[in-house]
Amino acid sequence: MATLQSTDERPAVESGICRVINAGVTPYRETWDWQVEIAQQVREGLSPDTLLLLEHPHTYTRGRLAPDSDLLLDTKALAARGIEVVETDRGGLITYHGPGQLVAYPIIRLRGRGGPHWYVRTLEQVIISTLAEFDLSAATVEGLTGVWTTDGQRKTAAIGVKIAGGVAYHGFAINVNPDLMMFDGIVPCGIKDREVTSLAAELGVAPSMEAAREVAGRHFCAEFGLEPRWQA
């Protein structure tokens, strides 16, 4: 995982840029702490807007309003599948993160850009544009957050964010080629009557994670009017 420079070593922050970091596979709790650290630095003007692109080990994350009943596995079953459960401070309910899923954590200033509703709708557009580049048509569904197949029945990407002190963190997850059976252990985002899908399931073949990161990072920066500065 990339590390941040100390305040004394860091050059002056340029405006209009986004640091895009390929963080590989990182544990959820570690990445959450990292986001909080970056968010504080963005808030203080010590870091530019930042986008983390990564995968997590098998993890169920529960948003602030997630009921216990949406987790369908007991402790023994969770251990058998190697799944960690983490209570988070983001919005939304319960979802799954794991290998084969591209997770994107934008840590950006929202002041002067728009409010929470605008931000989530903009993230949805980033996802739709990303999927379109891989020849998968997708859309939003009125009253639901996230991105879906055009018939509105299968969810391709989930969104859950936190905004504090004018800076957003957490973000979105695009199902590239994860083990979709992992979603059977939860009620994904509290929605019981629709399925979860992936690029691989819809197209019969999945792009590489490297390609997915590049496309998602590029569309994110374009949508928010930022110049990407890629870093490993």
C-alpha atoms as a PDB file:
ATOM      1  CA  MET A   1       0.000   0.000   0.000  1.00  0.00           C
ATOM      2  CA  ALA A   2       1.322   3.435  -0.881  1.00  0.00           C
ATOM      3  CA  THR A   3       2.141   5.738   2.000  1.00  0.00           C
ATOM      4  CA  LEU A   4       1.697   9.460   2.388  1.00  0.00           C
ATOM      5  CA  GLN A   5       4.596  11.832   2.643  1.00  0.00           C
ATOM      6  CA  SER A   6       5.081  13.754   5.853  1.00  0.00           C
ATOM      7  CA  THR A   7       3.868  17.343   5.894  1.00  0.00           C
ATOM      8  CA  ASP A   8       7.442  18.669   5.822  1.00  0.00           C
ATOM      9  CA  GLU A   9       8.317  16.618   2.708  1.00  0.00           C
ATOM     10  CA  ARG A  10       5.095  17.111   0.742  1.00  0.00           C
ATOM     11  CA  PRO A  11       5.206  19.703  -2.076  1.00  0.00           C
ATOM     12  CA  ALA A  12       2.531  22.357  -2.385  1.00  0.00           C
ATOM     13  CA  VAL A  13      -0.804  20.877  -3.443  1.00  0.00           C
ATOM     14  CA  GLU A  14      -1.827  21.638  -7.009  1.00  0.00           C
ATOM     15  CA  SER A  15      -5.457  22.434  -7.701  1.00  0.00           C
ATOM     16  CA  GLY A  16      -7.464  20.558 -10.280  1.00  0.00           C
ATOM     17  CA  ILE A  17      -5.583  17.287 -10.000  1.00  0.00           C
ATOM     18  CA  CYS A  18      -6.472  13.880  -8.605  1.00  0.00           C
ATOM     19  CA  ARG A  19      -3.922  11.480  -7.251  1.00  0.00           C
ATOM     20  CA  VAL A  20      -5.011   8.022  -8.484  1.00  0.00           C
ATOM     21  CA  ILE A  21      -3.445   5.219  -6.454  1.00  0.00           C
ATOM     22  CA  ASN A  22      -3.426   1.533  -7.373  1.00  0.00           C
ATOM     23  CA  ALA A  23      -3.473  -0.016  -3.906  1.00  0.00           C
ATOM     24  CA  GLY A  24      -3.650  -3.676  -4.946  1.00  0.00           C
ATOM     25  CA  VAL A  25      -5.388  -5.973  -2.457  1.00  0.00           C
ATOM     26  CA  THR A  26      -5.688  -4.379   0.979  1.00  0.00           C
ATOM     27  CA  PRO A  27      -7.668  -5.331   4.117  1.00  0.00           C
ATOM     28  CA  TYR A  28     -10.850  -3.343   4.642  1.00  0.00           C
ATOM     29  CA  ARG A  29     -10.059  -1.945   8.104  1.00  0.00           C
ATOM     30  CA  GLU A  30      -6.577  -0.872   7.043  1.00  0.00           C
ATOM     31  CA  THR A  31      -7.979   0.898   3.986  1.00  0.00           C
ATOM     32  CA  TRP A  32     -10.667   2.602   6.056  1.00  0.00           C
ATOM     33  CA  ASP A  33      -8.027   4.043   8.391  1.00  0.00           C
ATOM     34  CA  TRP A  34      -6.054   5.151   5.358  1.00  0.00           C
ATOM     35  CA  GLN A  35      -9.087   6.962   3.930  1.00  0.00           C
ATOM     36  CA  VAL A  36      -9.693   8.800   7.189  1.00  0.00           C
ATOM     37  CA  GLU A  37      -6.053   9.927   7.231  1.00  0.00           C
ATOM     38  CA  ILE A  38      -6.174  11.167   3.647  1.00  0.00           C
ATOM     39  CA  ALA A  39      -9.553  12.863   4.207  1.00  0.00           C
ATOM     40  CA  GLN A  40      -8.105  14.914   7.044  1.00  0.00           C
ATOM     41  CA  GLN A  41      -5.165  15.942   4.883  1.00  0.00           C
ATOM     42  CA  VAL A  42      -7.474  16.893   2.006  1.00  0.00           C
ATOM     43  CA  ARG A  43      -9.578  18.905   4.459  1.00  0.00           C
ATOM     44  CA  GLU A  44      -6.484  20.765   5.651  1.00  0.00           C
ATOM     45  CA  GLY A  45      -5.214  21.417   2.135  1.00  0.00           C
ATOM     46  CA  LEU A  46      -2.221  19.122   2.607  1.00  0.00           C
ATOM     47  CA  SER A  47      -3.253  16.552  -0.005  1.00  0.00           C
ATOM     48  CA  PRO A  48      -4.968  16.761  -3.393  1.00  0.00           C
ATOM     49  CA  ASP A  49      -8.193  14.957  -4.158  1.00  0.00           C
ATOM     50  CA  THR A  50      -7.350  11.265  -4.168  1.00  0.00           C
ATOM     51  CA  LEU A  51      -8.825   8.128  -5.705  1.00  0.00           C
ATOM     52  CA  LEU A  52      -7.871   4.728  -4.273  1.00  0.00           C
ATOM     53  CA  LEU A  53      -8.440   1.771  -6.609  1.00  0.00           C
ATOM     54  CA  LEU A  54      -8.149  -1.658  -5.022  1.00  0.00           C
ATOM     55  CA  GLU A  55      -9.590  -5.037  -4.097  1.00  0.00           C
ATOM     56  CA  HIS A  56     -10.415  -6.367  -0.626  1.00  0.00           C
ATOM     57  CA  PRO A  57     -10.183  -9.864   0.847  1.00  0.00           C
ATOM     58  CA  HIS A  58     -13.607 -11.433   1.486  1.00  0.00           C
ATOM     59  CA  THR A  59     -15.503  -8.906   3.626  1.00  0.00           C
ATOM     60  CA  TYR A  60     -19.088  -8.030   4.467  1.00  0.00           C
ATOM     61  CA  THR A  61     -19.423  -4.370   5.392  1.00  0.00           C
ATOM     62  CA  ARG A  62     -22.426  -3.015   7.224  1.00  0.00           C
ATOM     63  CA  GLY A  63     -23.541   0.588   6.861  1.00  0.00           C
ATOM     64  CA  ARG A  64     -24.961   2.602   9.727  1.00  0.00           C
ATOM     65  CA  LEU A  65     -28.564   1.456   9.200  1.00  0.00           C
ATOM     66  CA  ALA A  66     -27.987  -2.210   8.329  1.00  0.00           C
ATOM     67  CA  PRO A  67     -30.273  -4.518  10.361  1.00  0.00           C
ATOM     68  CA  ASP A  68     -28.876  -7.715  11.844  1.00  0.00           C
ATOM     69  CA  SER A  69     -31.346  -9.731   9.775  1.00  0.00           C
ATOM     70  CA  ASP A  70     -29.598  -8.775   6.513  1.00  0.00           C
ATOM     71  CA  LEU A  71     -26.588 -10.908   7.503  1.00  0.00           C
ATOM     72  CA  LEU A  72     -27.714 -14.471   6.763  1.00  0.00           C
ATOM     73  CA  LEU A  73     -24.659 -16.442   7.960  1.00  0.00           C
ATOM     74  CA  ASP A  74     -23.754 -17.308  11.524  1.00  0.00           C
ATOM     75  CA  THR A  75     -20.254 -17.003  12.982  1.00  0.00           C
ATOM     76  CA  LYS A  76     -19.317 -20.575  12.072  1.00  0.00           C
ATOM     77  CA  ALA A  77     -20.405 -20.181   8.449  1.00  0.00           C
ATOM     78  CA  LEU A  78     -18.552 -16.877   8.150  1.00  0.00           C
ATOM     79  CA  ALA A  79     -15.377 -18.458   9.466  1.00  0.00           C
ATOM     80  CA  ALA A  80     -15.736 -21.409   7.071  1.00  0.00           C
ATOM     81  CA  ARG A  81     -15.942 -19.021   4.113  1.00  0.00           C
ATOM     82  CA  GLY A  82     -13.151 -16.795   5.425  1.00  0.00           C
ATOM     83  CA  ILE A  83     -15.349 -13.701   5.519  1.00  0.00           C
ATOM     84  CA  GLU A  84     -14.746 -10.789   7.896  1.00  0.00           C
ATOM     85  CA  VAL A  85     -17.686  -8.611   8.978  1.00  0.00           C
ATOM     86  CA  VAL A  86     -16.971  -4.911   9.525  1.00  0.00           C
ATOM     87  CA  GLU A  87     -19.310  -2.251  10.890  1.00  0.00           C
ATOM     88  CA  THR A  88     -18.601   0.961   8.972  1.00  0.00           C
ATOM     89  CA  ASP A  89     -19.494   4.645   9.159  1.00  0.00           C
ATOM     90  CA  ARG A  90     -20.693   4.896   5.536  1.00  0.00           C
ATOM     91  CA  GLY A  91     -24.261   5.191   4.373  1.00  0.00           C
ATOM     92  CA  GLY A  92     -26.159   2.246   2.957  1.00  0.00           C
ATOM     93  CA  LEU A  93     -26.816  -1.214   4.363  1.00  0.00           C
ATOM     94  CA  ILE A  94     -24.792  -4.431   3.986  1.00  0.00           C
ATOM     95  CA  THR A  95     -22.692  -5.392   0.984  1.00  0.00           C
ATOM     96  CA  TYR A  96     -19.871  -7.706  -0.030  1.00  0.00           C
ATOM     97  CA  HIS A  97     -16.292  -6.881  -1.044  1.00  0.00           C
ATOM     98  CA  GLY A  98     -13.825  -9.425  -2.334  1.00  0.00           C
ATOM     99  CA  PRO A  99     -11.348 -10.495  -5.004  1.00  0.00           C
ATOM    100  CA  GLY A 100     -12.523  -9.752  -8.523  1.00  0.00           C
ATOM    101  CA  GLN A 101     -14.398  -6.630  -7.449  1.00  0.00           C
ATOM    102  CA  LEU A 102     -12.985  -3.200  -8.256  1.00  0.00           C
ATOM    103  CA  VAL A 103     -13.422  -0.936  -5.241  1.00  0.00           C
ATOM    104  CA  ALA A 104     -12.968   2.791  -5.749  1.00  0.00           C
ATOM    105  CA  TYR A 105     -12.598   5.192  -2.838  1.00  0.00           C
ATOM    106  CA  PRO A 106     -12.684   8.846  -3.936  1.00  0.00           C
ATOM    107  CA  ILE A 107     -11.495  11.162  -1.177  1.00  0.00           C
ATOM    108  CA  ILE A 108     -12.420  14.554  -2.526  1.00  0.00           C
ATOM    109  CA  ARG A 109     -13.606  17.993  -1.525  1.00  0.00           C
ATOM    110  CA  LEU A 110     -17.300  18.547  -2.172  1.00  0.00           C
ATOM    111  CA  ARG A 111     -17.543  22.188  -1.159  1.00  0.00           C
ATOM    112  CA  GLY A 112     -18.129  24.272  -4.254  1.00  0.00           C
ATOM    113  CA  ARG A 113     -19.061  21.178  -6.270  1.00  0.00           C
ATOM    114  CA  GLY A 114     -22.413  19.941  -5.007  1.00  0.00           C
ATOM    115  CA  GLY A 115     -24.226  18.174  -2.210  1.00  0.00           C
ATOM    116  CA  PRO A 116     -24.611  14.491  -1.310  1.00  0.00           C
ATOM    117  CA  HIS A 117     -27.369  13.776  -3.839  1.00  0.00           C
ATOM    118  CA  TRP A 118     -25.377  15.343  -6.674  1.00  0.00           C
ATOM    119  CA  TYR A 119     -22.288  13.435  -5.609  1.00  0.00           C
ATOM    120  CA  VAL A 120     -23.970  10.010  -5.605  1.00  0.00           C
ATOM    121  CA  ARG A 121     -25.639  10.683  -8.973  1.00  0.00           C
ATOM    122  CA  THR A 122     -22.254  11.688 -10.390  1.00  0.00           C
ATOM    123  CA  LEU A 123     -20.639   8.485  -9.107  1.00  0.00           C
ATOM    124  CA  GLU A 124     -23.413   6.524 -10.806  1.00  0.00           C
ATOM    125  CA  GLN A 125     -22.547   8.233 -14.073  1.00  0.00           C
ATOM    126  CA  VAL A 126     -18.866   7.363 -13.614  1.00  0.00           C
ATOM    127  CA  ILE A 127     -19.846   3.701 -13.246  1.00  0.00           C
ATOM    128  CA  ILE A 128     -22.218   3.747 -16.231  1.00  0.00           C
ATOM    129  CA  SER A 129     -19.497   5.279 -18.435  1.00  0.00           C
ATOM    130  CA  THR A 130     -16.977   2.714 -17.195  1.00  0.00           C
ATOM    131  CA  LEU A 131     -19.250  -0.238 -17.940  1.00  0.00           C
ATOM    132  CA  ALA A 132     -20.126   1.183 -21.363  1.00  0.00           C
ATOM    133  CA  GLU A 133     -16.465   1.116 -22.348  1.00  0.00           C
ATOM    134  CA  PHE A 134     -16.576  -2.645 -21.791  1.00  0.00           C
ATOM    135  CA  ASP A 135     -19.756  -2.891 -23.914  1.00  0.00           C
ATOM    136  CA  LEU A 136     -22.127  -3.359 -21.000  1.00  0.00           C
ATOM    137  CA  SER A 137     -25.121  -1.029 -21.046  1.00  0.00           C
ATOM    138  CA  ALA A 138     -26.235  -0.032 -17.558  1.00  0.00           C
ATOM    139  CA  ALA A 139     -28.617   2.398 -15.904  1.00  0.00           C
ATOM    140  CA  THR A 140     -29.920   3.729 -12.626  1.00  0.00           C
ATOM    141  CA  VAL A 141     -33.207   2.695 -11.020  1.00  0.00           C
ATOM    142  CA  GLU A 142     -35.455   5.341  -9.533  1.00  0.00           C
ATOM    143  CA  GLY A 143     -35.492   5.145  -5.749  1.00  0.00           C
ATOM    144  CA  LEU A 144     -32.432   2.891  -5.550  1.00  0.00           C
ATOM    145  CA  THR A 145     -28.762   3.778  -5.260  1.00  0.00           C
ATOM    146  CA  GLY A 146     -26.230   2.061  -7.496  1.00  0.00           C
ATOM    147  CA  VAL A 147     -26.038   0.922 -11.108  1.00  0.00           C
ATOM    148  CA  TRP A 148     -28.062  -1.852 -12.716  1.00  0.00           C
ATOM    149  CA  THR A 149     -28.580  -3.720 -15.960  1.00  0.00           C
ATOM    150  CA  THR A 150     -30.900  -1.786 -18.251  1.00  0.00           C
ATOM    151  CA  ASP A 151     -33.908  -3.914 -17.238  1.00  0.00           C
ATOM    152  CA  GLY A 152     -33.329  -2.822 -13.637  1.00  0.00           C
ATOM    153  CA  GLN A 153     -33.161  -6.388 -12.337  1.00  0.00           C
ATOM    154  CA  ARG A 154     -29.452  -7.077 -11.751  1.00  0.00           C
ATOM    155  CA  LYS A 155     -27.090  -4.843  -9.822  1.00  0.00           C
ATOM    156  CA  THR A 156     -23.628  -4.336 -11.271  1.00  0.00           C
ATOM    157  CA  ALA A 157     -22.224  -1.782  -8.829  1.00  0.00           C
ATOM    158  CA  ALA A 158     -22.934  -0.527  -5.309  1.00  0.00           C
ATOM    159  CA  ILE A 159     -22.340   2.893  -3.753  1.00  0.00           C
ATOM    160  CA  GLY A 160     -21.910   3.886  -0.111  1.00  0.00           C
ATOM    161  CA  VAL A 161     -20.316   7.149   0.976  1.00  0.00           C
ATOM    162  CA  LYS A 162     -19.469   9.219   4.017  1.00  0.00           C
ATOM    163  CA  ILE A 163     -19.181  13.008   3.971  1.00  0.00           C
ATOM    164  CA  ALA A 164     -17.514  14.801   6.866  1.00  0.00           C
ATOM    165  CA  GLY A 165     -16.141  18.312   7.005  1.00  0.00           C
ATOM    166  CA  GLY A 166     -16.875  18.855   3.328  1.00  0.00           C
ATOM    167  CA  VAL A 167     -14.806  15.838   2.222  1.00  0.00           C
ATOM    168  CA  ALA A 168     -16.242  12.575   0.894  1.00  0.00           C
ATOM    169  CA  TYR A 169     -14.757   9.132   1.363  1.00  0.00           C
ATOM    170  CA  HIS A 170     -15.792   5.483   0.983  1.00  0.00           C
ATOM    171  CA  GLY A 171     -17.193   5.135  -2.534  1.00  0.00           C
ATOM    172  CA  PHE A 172     -18.288   2.484  -5.030  1.00  0.00           C
ATOM    173  CA  ALA A 173     -17.644  -1.124  -6.032  1.00  0.00           C
ATOM    174  CA  ILE A 174     -17.925  -2.536  -9.556  1.00  0.00           C
ATOM    175  CA  ASN A 175     -18.373  -6.283  -9.892  1.00  0.00           C
ATOM    176  CA  VAL A 176     -15.809  -7.275 -12.506  1.00  0.00           C
ATOM    177  CA  ASN A 177     -15.468 -11.007 -11.834  1.00  0.00           C
ATOM    178  CA  PRO A 178     -16.088 -11.744  -8.127  1.00  0.00           C
ATOM    179  CA  ASP A 179     -17.535 -14.939  -6.701  1.00  0.00           C
ATOM    180  CA  LEU A 180     -21.212 -13.983  -6.873  1.00  0.00           C
ATOM    181  CA  MET A 181     -22.095 -16.809  -4.473  1.00  0.00           C
ATOM    182  CA  MET A 182     -20.678 -14.620  -1.706  1.00  0.00           C
ATOM    183  CA  PHE A 183     -23.698 -12.342  -2.053  1.00  0.00           C
ATOM    184  CA  ASP A 184     -25.926 -15.266  -1.009  1.00  0.00           C
ATOM    185  CA  GLY A 185     -24.808 -14.769   2.601  1.00  0.00           C
ATOM    186  CA  ILE A 186     -26.455 -11.354   2.862  1.00  0.00           C
ATOM    187  CA  VAL A 187     -29.421  -9.329   1.665  1.00  0.00           C
ATOM    188  CA  PRO A 188     -27.329  -7.052  -0.566  1.00  0.00           C
ATOM    189  CA  CYS A 189     -28.090  -3.414   0.221  1.00  0.00           C
ATOM    190  CA  GLY A 190     -31.329  -4.609   1.822  1.00  0.00           C
ATOM    191  CA  ILE A 191     -32.860  -5.489  -1.574  1.00  0.00           C
ATOM    192  CA  LYS A 192     -34.505  -8.916  -1.613  1.00  0.00           C
ATOM    193  CA  ASP A 193     -36.198  -9.021  -5.028  1.00  0.00           C
ATOM    194  CA  ARG A 194     -33.267  -8.304  -7.380  1.00  0.00           C
ATOM    195  CA  GLU A 195     -30.034 -10.083  -8.209  1.00  0.00           C
ATOM    196  CA  VAL A 196     -26.378  -9.088  -8.145  1.00  0.00           C
ATOM    197  CA  THR A 197     -24.373  -9.551 -11.329  1.00  0.00           C
ATOM    198  CA  SER A 198     -20.952  -8.800 -12.784  1.00  0.00           C
ATOM    199  CA  LEU A 199     -19.224  -7.893 -16.017  1.00  0.00           C
ATOM    200  CA  ALA A 200     -18.148 -11.535 -16.347  1.00  0.00           C
ATOM    201  CA  ALA A 201     -21.690 -12.854 -15.830  1.00  0.00           C
ATOM    202  CA  GLU A 202     -23.238 -10.400 -18.266  1.00  0.00           C
ATOM    203  CA  LEU A 203     -20.619 -10.541 -21.018  1.00  0.00           C
ATOM    204  CA  GLY A 204     -19.287 -14.066 -20.649  1.00  0.00           C
ATOM    205  CA  VAL A 205     -15.779 -12.696 -20.200  1.00  0.00           C
ATOM    206  CA  ALA A 206     -14.327 -10.165 -17.781  1.00  0.00           C
ATOM    207  CA  PRO A 207     -11.789  -7.430 -18.485  1.00  0.00           C
ATOM    208  CA  SER A 208      -8.578  -7.561 -16.520  1.00  0.00           C
ATOM    209  CA  MET A 209      -8.556  -5.726 -13.212  1.00  0.00           C
ATOM    210  CA  GLU A 210      -5.780  -3.557 -14.604  1.00  0.00           C
ATOM    211  CA  ALA A 211      -8.037  -2.463 -17.468  1.00  0.00           C
ATOM    212  CA  ALA A 212     -10.968  -1.901 -15.120  1.00  0.00           C
ATOM    213  CA  ARG A 213      -8.846   0.311 -12.850  1.00  0.00           C
ATOM    214  CA  GLU A 214      -7.593   2.384 -15.762  1.00  0.00           C
ATOM    215  CA  VAL A 215     -11.029   2.934 -17.253  1.00  0.00           C
ATOM    216  CA  ALA A 216     -12.742   3.711 -13.925  1.00  0.00           C
ATOM    217  CA  GLY A 217      -9.973   6.101 -12.890  1.00  0.00           C
ATOM    218  CA  ARG A 218     -10.089   7.903 -16.207  1.00  0.00           C
ATOM    219  CA  HIS A 219     -13.872   8.310 -16.187  1.00  0.00           C
ATOM    220  CA  PHE A 220     -13.879   9.428 -12.556  1.00  0.00           C
ATOM    221  CA  CYS A 221     -11.372  12.200 -13.245  1.00  0.00           C
ATOM    222  CA  ALA A 222     -13.176  13.275 -16.421  1.00  0.00           C
ATOM    223  CA  GLU A 223     -16.554  13.444 -14.684  1.00  0.00           C
ATOM    224  CA  PHE A 224     -15.164  15.597 -11.878  1.00  0.00           C
ATOM    225  CA  GLY A 225     -13.002  17.768 -14.136  1.00  0.00           C
ATOM    226  CA  LEU A 226      -9.723  16.584 -12.608  1.00  0.00           C
ATOM    227  CA  GLU A 227      -6.367  15.773 -14.152  1.00  0.00           C
ATOM    228  CA  PRO A 228      -5.256  12.286 -13.088  1.00  0.00           C
ATOM    229  CA  ARG A 229      -1.832  11.745 -11.576  1.00  0.00           C
ATOM    230  CA  TRP A 230      -1.377   7.980 -11.546  1.00  0.00           C
ATOM    231  CA  GLN A 231       0.727   6.346  -8.907  1.00  0.00           C
ATOM    232  CA  ALA A 232       1.410   2.713  -8.017  1.00  0.00           C
END
